[in-house]
Amino acid sequence: MTAVLPRAVDLNADLGEGFGAYRIGDDAALLDVVTSANVACGFHAGDPEIMVETFRLAKAGGVAVGAHPGFPDLWGFGRRALPYSAGEIERLIAYQIGAASALSALAGHPIVYVKLHGALANLAVADPDVAAASVRAIKGVDATLACLAIAHGKQEQLARDAGLRTYSEVYADRGYQDDGSLMPRARPGAFVHDPAEAVERACRMVQTGEIVSVTGKVLPTAVDSICVHGDNPTAVVTAQLLRERLAIESIVLASFASKT
C-alpha cells in the first residue's frame, strides 16, 4: 500500500526592501516563519549591504532565497509601470539576477529562484512580451533557477513552456480580479488587512486549489507558494498565524525550491 504524503506548501515574503540606513518591515522576525525569501536586488529597494545581510540571515534560518527584481524605481518602490521595451526589461532583470547571484554567493547562500516584484510582476501576468522577456532573462543567466510566478499569468505559462522549473504563487493579503490578476492597489478590495481573514483565505486556497475573486468567481489553480508582503504592518502576525493554522490542518511548510 502506498503511503499518502502530507500536503506541503511554501510560505514566502518579500524581504531586504530597505535602502541605506532605512529599513522596511521586520525581516528577522519573518525569517523565523517563512520558508522562502524574495530579496530585493537594488532597483526598487535594497543595496549590497542589505542584500548580503538578508542572505546571511536566511542561511542561518535555513530559508531558501531568490532574486526579487523590479523596475528601477526607488522613488515609487517599484510599483509604477515604467515605459521600458521588452528588450530593456530582459536586461534589467538579468542585471538584477546577476547582482543577487553574486551577493548570495558571497554570503554563502546562493539564490535558487527568481520572483518579479511589483508593477513588473503585474505586467508579466498580462503582457506576453514582458512575460517572455522575464523568462529569457532567467533562462539566459541561469537555467537552473526556478521561476516563482503569479498564478494564472502569462509568465507562469511561458516559463513552463520554456522548460524552467515553475511554481505558482498566491497571495494571502491581496484581492483578486475575475481574470486571476491582483486587484490594483488603488481599488476597493485590493488588500486584506485583517490577519485572521488573510489566514482563512490562504488556507482555503491551499485546501481547495482555488482562487476566489472579489466578485466571488472561482478559479482553479495550483498553489505552490503563499506570499505575505514584508512591508505590510501585519506581515509578521499574519505569517505566524498562517504557519500555526497550516500545522493544525496537517499541511507541511516547505520551500518549493526543495522540489525536484
C-alpha atoms as a PDB file:
ATOM      1  CA  MET A   1       0.000   0.000   0.000  1.00  0.00           C
ATOM      2  CA  THR A   2       1.427   3.388  -0.995  1.00  0.00           C
ATOM      3  CA  ALA A   3       1.822   5.854   1.847  1.00  0.00           C
ATOM      4  CA  VAL A   4      -0.044   9.141   1.440  1.00  0.00           C
ATOM      5  CA  LEU A   5       2.382  12.022   1.657  1.00  0.00           C
ATOM      6  CA  PRO A   6       1.305  15.095   3.643  1.00  0.00           C
ATOM      7  CA  ARG A   7       0.365  18.146   1.648  1.00  0.00           C
ATOM      8  CA  ALA A   8       3.096  20.773   1.528  1.00  0.00           C
ATOM      9  CA  VAL A   9       3.187  24.442   0.610  1.00  0.00           C
ATOM     10  CA  ASP A  10       5.816  27.173   0.646  1.00  0.00           C
ATOM     11  CA  LEU A  11       5.442  30.452   2.537  1.00  0.00           C
ATOM     12  CA  ASN A  12       7.393  33.359   1.073  1.00  0.00           C
ATOM     13  CA  ALA A  13       7.922  37.029   1.873  1.00  0.00           C
ATOM     14  CA  ASP A  14       9.475  39.979   0.040  1.00  0.00           C
ATOM     15  CA  LEU A  15      12.486  40.988   2.132  1.00  0.00           C
ATOM     16  CA  GLY A  16      15.569  43.198   2.078  1.00  0.00           C
ATOM     17  CA  GLU A  17      13.442  46.144   0.978  1.00  0.00           C
ATOM     18  CA  GLY A  18      15.153  48.883   2.925  1.00  0.00           C
ATOM     19  CA  PHE A  19      17.782  51.196   1.479  1.00  0.00           C
ATOM     20  CA  GLY A  20      20.880  52.565   3.179  1.00  0.00           C
ATOM     21  CA  ALA A  21      20.063  53.463   6.782  1.00  0.00           C
ATOM     22  CA  TYR A  22      16.333  52.936   6.206  1.00  0.00           C
ATOM     23  CA  ARG A  23      14.615  49.622   6.873  1.00  0.00           C
ATOM     24  CA  ILE A  24      11.160  48.380   5.887  1.00  0.00           C
ATOM     25  CA  GLY A  25       9.486  45.524   7.733  1.00  0.00           C
ATOM     26  CA  ASP A  26      10.843  43.090  10.300  1.00  0.00           C
ATOM     27  CA  ASP A  27      12.948  40.776   8.165  1.00  0.00           C
ATOM     28  CA  ALA A  28      14.482  38.900  11.093  1.00  0.00           C
ATOM     29  CA  ALA A  29      11.058  38.030  12.529  1.00  0.00           C
ATOM     30  CA  LEU A  30       9.704  36.929   9.138  1.00  0.00           C
ATOM     31  CA  LEU A  31      12.751  34.760   8.509  1.00  0.00           C
ATOM     32  CA  ASP A  32      11.803  32.816  11.625  1.00  0.00           C
ATOM     33  CA  VAL A  33       8.497  31.905   9.967  1.00  0.00           C
ATOM     34  CA  VAL A  34       8.778  31.760   6.163  1.00  0.00           C
ATOM     35  CA  THR A  35      10.422  29.060   4.053  1.00  0.00           C
ATOM     36  CA  SER A  36      11.475  31.264   1.115  1.00  0.00           C
ATOM     37  CA  ALA A  37      12.730  34.862   0.971  1.00  0.00           C
ATOM     38  CA  ASN A  38      12.476  37.075  -2.114  1.00  0.00           C
ATOM     39  CA  VAL A  39      15.372  39.525  -1.769  1.00  0.00           C
ATOM     40  CA  ALA A  40      15.230  42.958  -3.400  1.00  0.00           C
ATOM     41  CA  CYS A  41      18.094  43.484  -5.848  1.00  0.00           C
ATOM     42  CA  GLY A  42      18.788  47.208  -5.532  1.00  0.00           C
ATOM     43  CA  PHE A  43      16.464  48.661  -8.173  1.00  0.00           C
ATOM     44  CA  HIS A  44      13.138  49.099  -6.366  1.00  0.00           C
ATOM     45  CA  ALA A  45      14.762  48.666  -2.939  1.00  0.00           C
ATOM     46  CA  GLY A  46      17.798  47.110  -1.305  1.00  0.00           C
ATOM     47  CA  ASP A  47      21.534  47.661  -1.657  1.00  0.00           C
ATOM     48  CA  PRO A  48      24.637  45.457  -1.381  1.00  0.00           C
ATOM     49  CA  GLU A  49      24.819  45.724   2.416  1.00  0.00           C
ATOM     50  CA  ILE A  50      21.159  44.881   2.954  1.00  0.00           C
ATOM     51  CA  MET A  51      21.266  42.088   0.386  1.00  0.00           C
ATOM     52  CA  VAL A  52      24.232  40.320   1.980  1.00  0.00           C
ATOM     53  CA  GLU A  53      22.752  40.766   5.462  1.00  0.00           C
ATOM     54  CA  THR A  54      19.440  39.277   4.320  1.00  0.00           C
ATOM     55  CA  PHE A  55      21.109  36.337   2.582  1.00  0.00           C
ATOM     56  CA  ARG A  56      23.159  35.609   5.707  1.00  0.00           C
ATOM     57  CA  LEU A  57      20.118  35.753   7.973  1.00  0.00           C
ATOM     58  CA  ALA A  58      18.236  33.447   5.608  1.00  0.00           C
ATOM     59  CA  LYS A  59      21.124  30.993   5.571  1.00  0.00           C
ATOM     60  CA  ALA A  60      21.213  30.918   9.377  1.00  0.00           C
ATOM     61  CA  GLY A  61      17.490  30.176   9.428  1.00  0.00           C
ATOM     62  CA  GLY A  62      17.548  27.569   6.681  1.00  0.00           C
ATOM     63  CA  VAL A  63      15.343  29.720   4.435  1.00  0.00           C
ATOM     64  CA  ALA A  64      15.655  29.403   0.638  1.00  0.00           C
ATOM     65  CA  VAL A  65      16.451  32.639  -1.191  1.00  0.00           C
ATOM     66  CA  GLY A  66      15.544  34.097  -4.553  1.00  0.00           C
ATOM     67  CA  ALA A  67      16.183  37.248  -6.574  1.00  0.00           C
ATOM     68  CA  HIS A  68      13.338  39.778  -6.485  1.00  0.00           C
ATOM     69  CA  PRO A  69      13.941  42.098  -9.460  1.00  0.00           C
ATOM     70  CA  GLY A  70      11.752  45.101 -10.178  1.00  0.00           C
ATOM     71  CA  PHE A  71      11.687  48.319 -12.132  1.00  0.00           C
ATOM     72  CA  PRO A  72      14.494  50.828 -11.359  1.00  0.00           C
ATOM     73  CA  ASP A  73      12.137  52.919  -9.232  1.00  0.00           C
ATOM     74  CA  LEU A  74      13.353  53.635  -5.696  1.00  0.00           C
ATOM     75  CA  TRP A  75      11.063  56.675  -5.567  1.00  0.00           C
ATOM     76  CA  GLY A  76       7.959  54.596  -6.277  1.00  0.00           C
ATOM     77  CA  PHE A  77       9.108  51.340  -4.632  1.00  0.00           C
ATOM     78  CA  GLY A  78       8.822  49.564  -7.976  1.00  0.00           C
ATOM     79  CA  ARG A  79       5.051  49.894  -8.017  1.00  0.00           C
ATOM     80  CA  ARG A  80       4.851  52.157 -11.060  1.00  0.00           C
ATOM     81  CA  ALA A  81       4.806  50.673 -14.564  1.00  0.00           C
ATOM     82  CA  LEU A  82       7.692  52.335 -16.400  1.00  0.00           C
ATOM     83  CA  PRO A  83       7.884  52.580 -20.213  1.00  0.00           C
ATOM     84  CA  TYR A  84      10.709  50.146 -20.967  1.00  0.00           C
ATOM     85  CA  SER A  85      10.844  47.966 -24.048  1.00  0.00           C
ATOM     86  CA  ALA A  86      10.771  44.178 -23.755  1.00  0.00           C
ATOM     87  CA  GLY A  87      14.492  44.056 -24.553  1.00  0.00           C
ATOM     88  CA  GLU A  88      15.282  46.618 -21.866  1.00  0.00           C
ATOM     89  CA  ILE A  89      13.179  44.700 -19.348  1.00  0.00           C
ATOM     90  CA  GLU A  90      15.023  41.483 -20.212  1.00  0.00           C
ATOM     91  CA  ARG A  91      18.351  43.158 -19.485  1.00  0.00           C
ATOM     92  CA  LEU A  92      17.105  44.905 -16.326  1.00  0.00           C
ATOM     93  CA  ILE A  93      16.011  41.558 -14.925  1.00  0.00           C
ATOM     94  CA  ALA A  94      19.227  39.810 -15.974  1.00  0.00           C
ATOM     95  CA  TYR A  95      21.272  42.576 -14.331  1.00  0.00           C
ATOM     96  CA  GLN A  96      19.454  42.144 -11.031  1.00  0.00           C
ATOM     97  CA  ILE A  97      19.667  38.345 -11.109  1.00  0.00           C
ATOM     98  CA  GLY A  98      23.407  38.770 -11.590  1.00  0.00           C
ATOM     99  CA  ALA A  99      23.664  41.057  -8.568  1.00  0.00           C
ATOM    100  CA  ALA A 100      21.661  38.655  -6.421  1.00  0.00           C
ATOM    101  CA  SER A 101      23.697  35.690  -7.631  1.00  0.00           C
ATOM    102  CA  ALA A 102      26.966  37.416  -6.769  1.00  0.00           C
ATOM    103  CA  LEU A 103      25.981  38.680  -3.332  1.00  0.00           C
ATOM    104  CA  SER A 104      24.180  35.493  -2.301  1.00  0.00           C
ATOM    105  CA  ALA A 105      27.297  33.532  -3.286  1.00  0.00           C
ATOM    106  CA  LEU A 106      29.373  35.953  -1.220  1.00  0.00           C
ATOM    107  CA  ALA A 107      27.053  35.278   1.716  1.00  0.00           C
ATOM    108  CA  GLY A 108      27.431  31.522   1.196  1.00  0.00           C
ATOM    109  CA  HIS A 109      23.750  31.024   0.414  1.00  0.00           C
ATOM    110  CA  PRO A 110      23.138  31.063  -3.377  1.00  0.00           C
ATOM    111  CA  ILE A 111      19.782  32.050  -4.826  1.00  0.00           C
ATOM    112  CA  VAL A 112      17.673  29.211  -6.240  1.00  0.00           C
ATOM    113  CA  TYR A 113      14.787  31.066  -7.881  1.00  0.00           C
ATOM    114  CA  VAL A 114      13.526  34.373  -9.284  1.00  0.00           C
ATOM    115  CA  LYS A 115      10.302  36.209  -8.457  1.00  0.00           C
ATOM    116  CA  LEU A 116       9.397  39.520 -10.083  1.00  0.00           C
ATOM    117  CA  HIS A 117       8.383  42.493  -7.951  1.00  0.00           C
ATOM    118  CA  GLY A 118       5.505  44.967  -8.021  1.00  0.00           C
ATOM    119  CA  ALA A 119       4.486  46.581 -11.288  1.00  0.00           C
ATOM    120  CA  LEU A 120       6.900  44.409 -13.243  1.00  0.00           C
ATOM    121  CA  ALA A 121       5.307  41.241 -11.852  1.00  0.00           C
ATOM    122  CA  ASN A 122       1.825  42.530 -12.623  1.00  0.00           C
ATOM    123  CA  LEU A 123       2.802  43.366 -16.203  1.00  0.00           C
ATOM    124  CA  ALA A 124       4.210  39.854 -16.638  1.00  0.00           C
ATOM    125  CA  VAL A 125       0.804  38.449 -15.667  1.00  0.00           C
ATOM    126  CA  ALA A 126      -0.993  40.075 -18.601  1.00  0.00           C
ATOM    127  CA  ASP A 127       1.624  41.149 -21.158  1.00  0.00           C
ATOM    128  CA  PRO A 128       3.131  38.235 -23.121  1.00  0.00           C
ATOM    129  CA  ASP A 129       6.093  40.352 -24.272  1.00  0.00           C
ATOM    130  CA  VAL A 130       7.070  41.283 -20.720  1.00  0.00           C
ATOM    131  CA  ALA A 131       6.490  37.721 -19.564  1.00  0.00           C
ATOM    132  CA  ALA A 132       8.674  36.365 -22.376  1.00  0.00           C
ATOM    133  CA  ALA A 133      11.396  38.902 -21.563  1.00  0.00           C
ATOM    134  CA  SER A 134      11.454  37.744 -17.949  1.00  0.00           C
ATOM    135  CA  VAL A 135      11.690  34.111 -18.995  1.00  0.00           C
ATOM    136  CA  ARG A 136      14.542  34.857 -21.406  1.00  0.00           C
ATOM    137  CA  ALA A 137      16.397  36.707 -18.659  1.00  0.00           C
ATOM    138  CA  ILE A 138      16.095  33.875 -16.142  1.00  0.00           C
ATOM    139  CA  LYS A 139      16.957  31.161 -18.624  1.00  0.00           C
ATOM    140  CA  GLY A 140      19.769  33.179 -20.168  1.00  0.00           C
ATOM    141  CA  VAL A 141      21.500  33.915 -16.863  1.00  0.00           C
ATOM    142  CA  ASP A 142      20.969  30.544 -15.176  1.00  0.00           C
ATOM    143  CA  ALA A 143      18.506  27.962 -16.478  1.00  0.00           C
ATOM    144  CA  THR A 144      18.760  26.020 -13.205  1.00  0.00           C
ATOM    145  CA  LEU A 145      16.963  28.819 -11.358  1.00  0.00           C
ATOM    146  CA  ALA A 146      13.278  28.236 -10.683  1.00  0.00           C
ATOM    147  CA  CYS A 147      10.605  30.788 -11.589  1.00  0.00           C
ATOM    148  CA  LEU A 148       8.084  31.740  -8.904  1.00  0.00           C
ATOM    149  CA  ALA A 149       5.197  33.265 -10.859  1.00  0.00           C
ATOM    150  CA  ILE A 150       1.797  34.701 -10.002  1.00  0.00           C
ATOM    151  CA  ALA A 151      -0.799  32.011 -10.625  1.00  0.00           C
ATOM    152  CA  HIS A 152      -2.885  32.301 -13.817  1.00  0.00           C
ATOM    153  CA  GLY A 153      -0.448  34.672 -15.518  1.00  0.00           C
ATOM    154  CA  LYS A 154       1.410  34.731 -18.815  1.00  0.00           C
ATOM    155  CA  GLN A 155       4.769  34.418 -17.068  1.00  0.00           C
ATOM    156  CA  GLU A 156       3.722  31.189 -15.386  1.00  0.00           C
ATOM    157  CA  GLN A 157       2.605  29.713 -18.709  1.00  0.00           C
ATOM    158  CA  LEU A 158       5.634  30.835 -20.733  1.00  0.00           C
ATOM    159  CA  ALA A 159       8.137  29.778 -18.059  1.00  0.00           C
ATOM    160  CA  ARG A 160       6.706  26.260 -18.084  1.00  0.00           C
ATOM    161  CA  ASP A 161       6.757  26.203 -21.880  1.00  0.00           C
ATOM    162  CA  ALA A 162      10.420  27.254 -21.808  1.00  0.00           C
ATOM    163  CA  GLY A 163      11.311  24.343 -19.545  1.00  0.00           C
ATOM    164  CA  LEU A 164      12.024  26.353 -16.391  1.00  0.00           C
ATOM    165  CA  ARG A 165      11.051  24.821 -13.070  1.00  0.00           C
ATOM    166  CA  THR A 166       7.960  26.915 -12.437  1.00  0.00           C
ATOM    167  CA  TYR A 167       5.888  27.332  -9.286  1.00  0.00           C
ATOM    168  CA  SER A 168       2.545  29.073  -8.794  1.00  0.00           C
ATOM    169  CA  GLU A 169       2.140  31.772  -6.178  1.00  0.00           C
ATOM    170  CA  VAL A 170      -0.980  33.078  -4.438  1.00  0.00           C
ATOM    171  CA  TYR A 171      -1.369  35.988  -2.027  1.00  0.00           C
ATOM    172  CA  ALA A 172      -2.753  35.832   1.485  1.00  0.00           C
ATOM    173  CA  ASP A 173      -3.150  39.599   1.790  1.00  0.00           C
ATOM    174  CA  ARG A 174      -4.352  40.701  -1.665  1.00  0.00           C
ATOM    175  CA  GLY A 175      -7.665  40.620  -3.530  1.00  0.00           C
ATOM    176  CA  TYR A 176      -8.111  39.087  -6.976  1.00  0.00           C
ATOM    177  CA  GLN A 177      -9.915  40.192 -10.128  1.00  0.00           C
ATOM    178  CA  ASP A 178     -12.068  37.819 -12.155  1.00  0.00           C
ATOM    179  CA  ASP A 179      -9.203  37.002 -14.543  1.00  0.00           C
ATOM    180  CA  GLY A 180      -6.971  35.885 -11.685  1.00  0.00           C
ATOM    181  CA  SER A 181      -4.820  39.035 -11.640  1.00  0.00           C
ATOM    182  CA  LEU A 182      -4.309  41.040  -8.465  1.00  0.00           C
ATOM    183  CA  MET A 183      -6.746  43.853  -7.787  1.00  0.00           C
ATOM    184  CA  PRO A 184      -4.955  47.192  -8.452  1.00  0.00           C
ATOM    185  CA  ARG A 185      -3.805  48.749  -5.203  1.00  0.00           C
ATOM    186  CA  ALA A 186      -5.920  51.900  -5.627  1.00  0.00           C
ATOM    187  CA  ARG A 187      -9.199  49.979  -5.937  1.00  0.00           C
ATOM    188  CA  PRO A 188     -11.516  48.663  -3.207  1.00  0.00           C
ATOM    189  CA  GLY A 189     -10.834  45.055  -2.268  1.00  0.00           C
ATOM    190  CA  ALA A 190      -7.130  45.239  -3.144  1.00  0.00           C
ATOM    191  CA  PHE A 191      -5.963  44.480   0.399  1.00  0.00           C
ATOM    192  CA  VAL A 192      -6.826  42.077   3.176  1.00  0.00           C
ATOM    193  CA  HIS A 193      -5.905  43.977   6.333  1.00  0.00           C
ATOM    194  CA  ASP A 194      -7.188  41.530   8.941  1.00  0.00           C
ATOM    195  CA  PRO A 195      -4.584  38.793   9.627  1.00  0.00           C
ATOM    196  CA  ALA A 196      -7.295  36.289  10.590  1.00  0.00           C
ATOM    197  CA  GLU A 197      -9.115  36.858   7.289  1.00  0.00           C
ATOM    198  CA  ALA A 198      -5.857  36.555   5.329  1.00  0.00           C
ATOM    199  CA  VAL A 199      -5.139  33.240   7.044  1.00  0.00           C
ATOM    200  CA  GLU A 200      -8.606  31.882   6.251  1.00  0.00           C
ATOM    201  CA  ARG A 201      -8.262  32.892   2.601  1.00  0.00           C
ATOM    202  CA  ALA A 202      -4.821  31.358   2.257  1.00  0.00           C
ATOM    203  CA  CYS A 203      -5.845  28.083   3.888  1.00  0.00           C
ATOM    204  CA  ARG A 204      -8.868  27.822   1.630  1.00  0.00           C
ATOM    205  CA  MET A 205      -6.713  28.317  -1.453  1.00  0.00           C
ATOM    206  CA  VAL A 206      -4.324  25.563  -0.366  1.00  0.00           C
ATOM    207  CA  GLN A 207      -7.093  23.135   0.606  1.00  0.00           C
ATOM    208  CA  THR A 208      -9.299  23.664  -2.449  1.00  0.00           C
ATOM    209  CA  GLY A 209      -6.782  24.610  -5.135  1.00  0.00           C
ATOM    210  CA  GLU A 210      -8.921  27.637  -5.977  1.00  0.00           C
ATOM    211  CA  ILE A 211      -8.685  31.412  -6.035  1.00  0.00           C
ATOM    212  CA  VAL A 212     -11.869  33.342  -5.295  1.00  0.00           C
ATOM    213  CA  SER A 213     -12.110  36.804  -6.865  1.00  0.00           C
ATOM    214  CA  VAL A 214     -13.623  39.848  -5.164  1.00  0.00           C
ATOM    215  CA  THR A 215     -16.870  39.167  -7.066  1.00  0.00           C
ATOM    216  CA  GLY A 216     -16.949  35.514  -5.989  1.00  0.00           C
ATOM    217  CA  LYS A 217     -15.665  33.934  -9.194  1.00  0.00           C
ATOM    218  CA  VAL A 218     -13.846  30.644  -8.530  1.00  0.00           C
ATOM    219  CA  LEU A 219     -10.607  29.995 -10.445  1.00  0.00           C
ATOM    220  CA  PRO A 220      -8.918  26.582 -10.073  1.00  0.00           C
ATOM    221  CA  THR A 221      -5.154  26.957  -9.636  1.00  0.00           C
ATOM    222  CA  ALA A 222      -2.045  25.198  -8.449  1.00  0.00           C
ATOM    223  CA  VAL A 223      -0.836  26.582  -5.113  1.00  0.00           C
ATOM    224  CA  ASP A 224       2.874  26.031  -4.592  1.00  0.00           C
ATOM    225  CA  SER A 225       3.627  29.117  -2.517  1.00  0.00           C
ATOM    226  CA  ILE A 226       1.792  31.713  -0.437  1.00  0.00           C
ATOM    227  CA  CYS A 227       3.136  35.272  -0.275  1.00  0.00           C
ATOM    228  CA  VAL A 228       2.939  37.615   2.689  1.00  0.00           C
ATOM    229  CA  HIS A 229       4.178  41.123   1.869  1.00  0.00           C
ATOM    230  CA  GLY A 230       7.081  42.013   4.150  1.00  0.00           C
ATOM    231  CA  ASP A 231       6.255  45.744   4.110  1.00  0.00           C
ATOM    232  CA  ASN A 232       2.718  45.128   5.372  1.00  0.00           C
ATOM    233  CA  PRO A 233       2.453  46.240   9.053  1.00  0.00           C
ATOM    234  CA  THR A 234       0.637  42.983   9.905  1.00  0.00           C
ATOM    235  CA  ALA A 235       3.047  40.742   7.949  1.00  0.00           C
ATOM    236  CA  VAL A 236       4.690  39.044  10.925  1.00  0.00           C
ATOM    237  CA  VAL A 237       1.415  38.360  12.719  1.00  0.00           C
ATOM    238  CA  THR A 238      -0.195  37.053   9.517  1.00  0.00           C
ATOM    239  CA  ALA A 239       2.754  34.773   8.748  1.00  0.00           C
ATOM    240  CA  GLN A 240       2.860  33.400  12.290  1.00  0.00           C
ATOM    241  CA  LEU A 241      -0.887  32.731  12.390  1.00  0.00           C
ATOM    242  CA  LEU A 242      -0.767  31.144   8.959  1.00  0.00           C
ATOM    243  CA  ARG A 243       2.065  28.819   9.934  1.00  0.00           C
ATOM    244  CA  GLU A 244       0.127  27.743  13.044  1.00  0.00           C
ATOM    245  CA  ARG A 245      -3.089  27.212  11.105  1.00  0.00           C
ATOM    246  CA  LEU A 246      -1.408  25.161   8.390  1.00  0.00           C
ATOM    247  CA  ALA A 247       0.107  22.908  11.046  1.00  0.00           C
ATOM    248  CA  ILE A 248      -3.350  22.344  12.541  1.00  0.00           C
ATOM    249  CA  GLU A 249      -4.600  21.421   9.063  1.00  0.00           C
ATOM    250  CA  SER A 250      -1.675  18.938   8.680  1.00  0.00           C
ATOM    251  CA  ILE A 251      -0.194  20.959   5.849  1.00  0.00           C
ATOM    252  CA  VAL A 252       3.612  20.968   5.884  1.00  0.00           C
ATOM    253  CA  LEU A 253       5.517  24.179   5.289  1.00  0.00           C
ATOM    254  CA  ALA A 254       8.439  23.514   2.941  1.00  0.00           C
ATOM    255  CA  SER A 255      10.185  25.581   0.309  1.00  0.00           C
ATOM    256  CA  PHE A 256       9.164  24.793  -3.260  1.00  0.00           C
ATOM    257  CA  ALA A 257      12.877  25.055  -4.043  1.00  0.00           C
ATOM    258  CA  SER A 258      13.367  21.678  -2.382  1.00  0.00           C
ATOM    259  CA  LYS A 259      11.163  20.037  -5.021  1.00  0.00           C
ATOM    260  CA  THR A 260      12.775  18.327  -7.988  1.00  0.00           C
END
